[in-house]
Amino acid sequence: MDDAAVLRKALTVGDELHLPTALGPDDELATDWRLGGYPYRNLMLRQTYEKQKYHLQVELLKLQAWVKGENAADGIVSPLVDSPAKRS
């Protein structure tokens, strides 16, 4: 299944396709995004960046609180570790 088909399937509820109605300047994809360049046509507006960063930080704090409360640190896999040398 190609990327477009996977995305179409994920956005489909029943027989209806639920697509975003309007793209803002922060959401327009660049034509060469699949080649590894910057994926968006425009740089993200600073206000949008700060808003999204805030929401992501809140989600990270929720995850940290859950891990601490459940003592589940052994079950968390993080892609943020660069190399085995950084592990203690």
C-alpha atoms as a PDB file:
ATOM      1  CA  MET A   1       0.000   0.000   0.000  1.00  0.00           C
ATOM      2  CA  ASP A   2       1.467   3.394  -0.920  1.00  0.00           C
ATOM      3  CA  ASP A   3       1.575   6.409   1.417  1.00  0.00           C
ATOM      4  CA  ALA A   4      -1.458   8.072  -0.142  1.00  0.00           C
ATOM      5  CA  ALA A   5      -3.575   4.930   0.239  1.00  0.00           C
ATOM      6  CA  VAL A   6      -2.550   4.507   3.886  1.00  0.00           C
ATOM      7  CA  LEU A   7      -3.396   8.139   4.626  1.00  0.00           C
ATOM      8  CA  ARG A   8      -6.713   7.884   2.764  1.00  0.00           C
ATOM      9  CA  LYS A   9      -7.618   4.765   4.781  1.00  0.00           C
ATOM     10  CA  ALA A  10      -6.713   6.491   8.059  1.00  0.00           C
ATOM     11  CA  LEU A  11      -8.886   9.502   7.226  1.00  0.00           C
ATOM     12  CA  THR A  12     -11.871   7.480   6.053  1.00  0.00           C
ATOM     13  CA  VAL A  13     -14.767   6.916   8.421  1.00  0.00           C
ATOM     14  CA  GLY A  14     -17.332   4.622   6.837  1.00  0.00           C
ATOM     15  CA  ASP A  15     -17.663   5.776   3.236  1.00  0.00           C
ATOM     16  CA  GLU A  16     -16.821   9.415   3.976  1.00  0.00           C
ATOM     17  CA  LEU A  17     -13.358  10.891   3.604  1.00  0.00           C
ATOM     18  CA  HIS A  18     -12.652  13.462   6.340  1.00  0.00           C
ATOM     19  CA  LEU A  19     -10.021  15.868   5.043  1.00  0.00           C
ATOM     20  CA  PRO A  20      -8.984  19.182   6.568  1.00  0.00           C
ATOM     21  CA  THR A  21     -11.094  21.908   5.026  1.00  0.00           C
ATOM     22  CA  ALA A  22      -8.421  24.589   4.769  1.00  0.00           C
ATOM     23  CA  LEU A  23      -4.657  24.496   4.892  1.00  0.00           C
ATOM     24  CA  GLY A  24      -2.864  27.310   6.623  1.00  0.00           C
ATOM     25  CA  PRO A  25       0.549  28.559   5.562  1.00  0.00           C
ATOM     26  CA  ASP A  26       2.135  26.225   8.142  1.00  0.00           C
ATOM     27  CA  ASP A  27       0.478  23.139   6.653  1.00  0.00           C
ATOM     28  CA  GLU A  28       1.328  23.392   2.941  1.00  0.00           C
ATOM     29  CA  LEU A  29       3.731  20.633   1.929  1.00  0.00           C
ATOM     30  CA  ALA A  30       6.742  21.358  -0.254  1.00  0.00           C
ATOM     31  CA  THR A  31       6.793  19.606  -3.623  1.00  0.00           C
ATOM     32  CA  ASP A  32      10.068  17.804  -2.822  1.00  0.00           C
ATOM     33  CA  TRP A  33       9.291  16.738   0.756  1.00  0.00           C
ATOM     34  CA  ARG A  34       9.804  13.049  -0.101  1.00  0.00           C
ATOM     35  CA  LEU A  35      13.381  13.757  -1.184  1.00  0.00           C
ATOM     36  CA  GLY A  36      14.443  14.626   2.352  1.00  0.00           C
ATOM     37  CA  GLY A  37      14.210  18.401   2.211  1.00  0.00           C
ATOM     38  CA  TYR A  38      12.235  20.603   4.557  1.00  0.00           C
ATOM     39  CA  PRO A  39       8.714  19.132   4.352  1.00  0.00           C
ATOM     40  CA  TYR A  40       6.745  22.362   4.357  1.00  0.00           C
ATOM     41  CA  ARG A  41       6.560  25.137   1.807  1.00  0.00           C
ATOM     42  CA  ASN A  42       6.844  27.846   4.467  1.00  0.00           C
ATOM     43  CA  LEU A  43       8.632  28.011   7.782  1.00  0.00           C
ATOM     44  CA  MET A  44       6.281  27.689  10.735  1.00  0.00           C
ATOM     45  CA  LEU A  45       5.090  30.946  12.212  1.00  0.00           C
ATOM     46  CA  ARG A  46       6.692  31.632  15.588  1.00  0.00           C
ATOM     47  CA  GLN A  47       3.299  31.932  17.295  1.00  0.00           C
ATOM     48  CA  THR A  48       2.196  28.546  15.905  1.00  0.00           C
ATOM     49  CA  TYR A  49       5.517  26.980  16.897  1.00  0.00           C
ATOM     50  CA  GLU A  50       5.244  28.205  20.494  1.00  0.00           C
ATOM     51  CA  LYS A  51       1.640  27.016  20.749  1.00  0.00           C
ATOM     52  CA  GLN A  52       2.462  23.533  19.454  1.00  0.00           C
ATOM     53  CA  LYS A  53       5.583  23.342  21.606  1.00  0.00           C
ATOM     54  CA  TYR A  54       3.518  24.166  24.694  1.00  0.00           C
ATOM     55  CA  HIS A  55       0.988  21.406  23.934  1.00  0.00           C
ATOM     56  CA  LEU A  56       3.778  18.880  23.302  1.00  0.00           C
ATOM     57  CA  GLN A  57       5.474  19.817  26.576  1.00  0.00           C
ATOM     58  CA  VAL A  58       2.194  19.285  28.435  1.00  0.00           C
ATOM     59  CA  GLU A  59       1.867  15.823  26.859  1.00  0.00           C
ATOM     60  CA  LEU A  60       5.458  15.012  27.802  1.00  0.00           C
ATOM     61  CA  LEU A  61       4.785  16.020  31.416  1.00  0.00           C
ATOM     62  CA  LYS A  62       1.709  13.776  31.452  1.00  0.00           C
ATOM     63  CA  LEU A  63       3.814  10.878  30.164  1.00  0.00           C
ATOM     64  CA  GLN A  64       6.523  11.553  32.747  1.00  0.00           C
ATOM     65  CA  ALA A  65       3.951  11.624  35.564  1.00  0.00           C
ATOM     66  CA  TRP A  66       2.414   8.379  34.331  1.00  0.00           C
ATOM     67  CA  VAL A  67       5.805   6.659  34.086  1.00  0.00           C
ATOM     68  CA  LYS A  68       6.730   7.815  37.572  1.00  0.00           C
ATOM     69  CA  GLY A  69       3.350   6.768  39.018  1.00  0.00           C
ATOM     70  CA  GLU A  70       3.346   3.362  37.319  1.00  0.00           C
ATOM     71  CA  ASN A  71       7.067   2.781  37.859  1.00  0.00           C
ATOM     72  CA  ALA A  72       7.140   1.923  34.168  1.00  0.00           C
ATOM     73  CA  ALA A  73      10.500   3.413  33.229  1.00  0.00           C
ATOM     74  CA  ASP A  74      11.751   0.003  32.112  1.00  0.00           C
ATOM     75  CA  GLY A  75       8.992  -0.163  29.492  1.00  0.00           C
ATOM     76  CA  ILE A  76       9.674   3.169  27.800  1.00  0.00           C
ATOM     77  CA  VAL A  77      11.603   3.100  24.532  1.00  0.00           C
ATOM     78  CA  SER A  78      12.951   6.453  23.462  1.00  0.00           C
ATOM     79  CA  PRO A  79      14.238   7.280  19.986  1.00  0.00           C
ATOM     80  CA  LEU A  80      16.133  10.207  21.501  1.00  0.00           C
ATOM     81  CA  VAL A  81      19.157   8.125  22.515  1.00  0.00           C
ATOM     82  CA  ASP A  82      21.844   8.712  19.873  1.00  0.00           C
ATOM     83  CA  SER A  83      24.225   5.902  20.627  1.00  0.00           C
ATOM     84  CA  PRO A  84      24.780   3.072  23.106  1.00  0.00           C
ATOM     85  CA  ALA A  85      27.733   5.021  24.544  1.00  0.00           C
ATOM     86  CA  LYS A  86      25.324   7.564  26.067  1.00  0.00           C
ATOM     87  CA  ARG A  87      23.576   4.919  28.133  1.00  0.00           C
ATOM     88  CA  SER A  88      24.765   4.372  31.684  1.00  0.00           C
END
